[in-house]
Amino acid sequence: MATTYAKAAEAVEQAARIAHVSKSFAGPAGRQLVLDDITLDVAPGEFVTLLGASGCGKSTLLNLVAGLDAPTSGSITTHGRPALMFQEHALFPWLTAGKNIELALRLRGVPKGERRGRAEELLELVRLKGAHGKRVHELSGGMRQRVALARALAQDSRLLLMDEPFAALDAITRDVLHEELARIWSETGLSVLFVTHNVREAVRLAQRVVLLSSRPGRMAREWAVDIPQPRRIEDAPVSDLSREITEVLRGEIRRHGQQ
């Protein structure tokens, strides 16, 4: 029997605490175990990346932490309700950039008279000053993701969950947004749990990289990333650690293929 999913509004020691979480889904051949006994803490202000091959359960775990689904067993506790950012920007195309952010502020209960100013502050934080009145179709892919990030920040959560938010962008735009995200994380002190299948992206951004094995997803290994920020994808220490992690990931994939 699944334990209670706890979404604690009161202060907790960790920004997120995932304790012995497993998740299974019904399938044609019976229950399919997707996640198996995951235990992971995210400290206040920590940036953690979840890394693994496609289908290992990374996004499933993020959905559980967000409260979009419940674990089959185990418990998840977060300090307040997390904010979630997806690979697709999911902006409302009939609203301007600013109005998309104001909608999040309205749902949070921010008084109407304060929403415009707060939305403009958030757009400035993501380097889109003056874009309040722009429609979604007027924005590039990178600009749309900046607006989506501003909208996530409008939820005023201390924990930001990001599910491959830059995967659909070209390499240059992705690199620029890596820099922006690192800056915003540093300025705000947010806790971030970031899902990716890109090893270099994981090392470029995180303080800690957690590798999940495949089918079912289990905690395989983790690395502390002691490389000072700002970092770049092409920096030698980033490349060296990325190669090390890639070899372990390849071993996990080969092991799974032989089962």
Foldseek 3Di string as FASTA:
>chain_A
DADDAAADQDDDQFQKWWFQFWAWDQDPVGIFTAAGGATDTFHQLFEEEEAADPSQCLVVVLCCQQVVDDTPYTYMYHNHHEFEQEQDLPFDQVAFLLVSLLVLLVVLPNDPVCSNVLSQVLCVLLPNHPRNGHGPVVDDLLSSLSSSVSSSVSNVRLEYEYENNCVPDDPVSSQVVLVSVQVSSVVPSGTYYYYDNQLLSRLQRGQKYWYFAHRHTDGDDMDGRPDDPPDGSPDPSSVVVSVVVVVVNVVSVVVVVVD
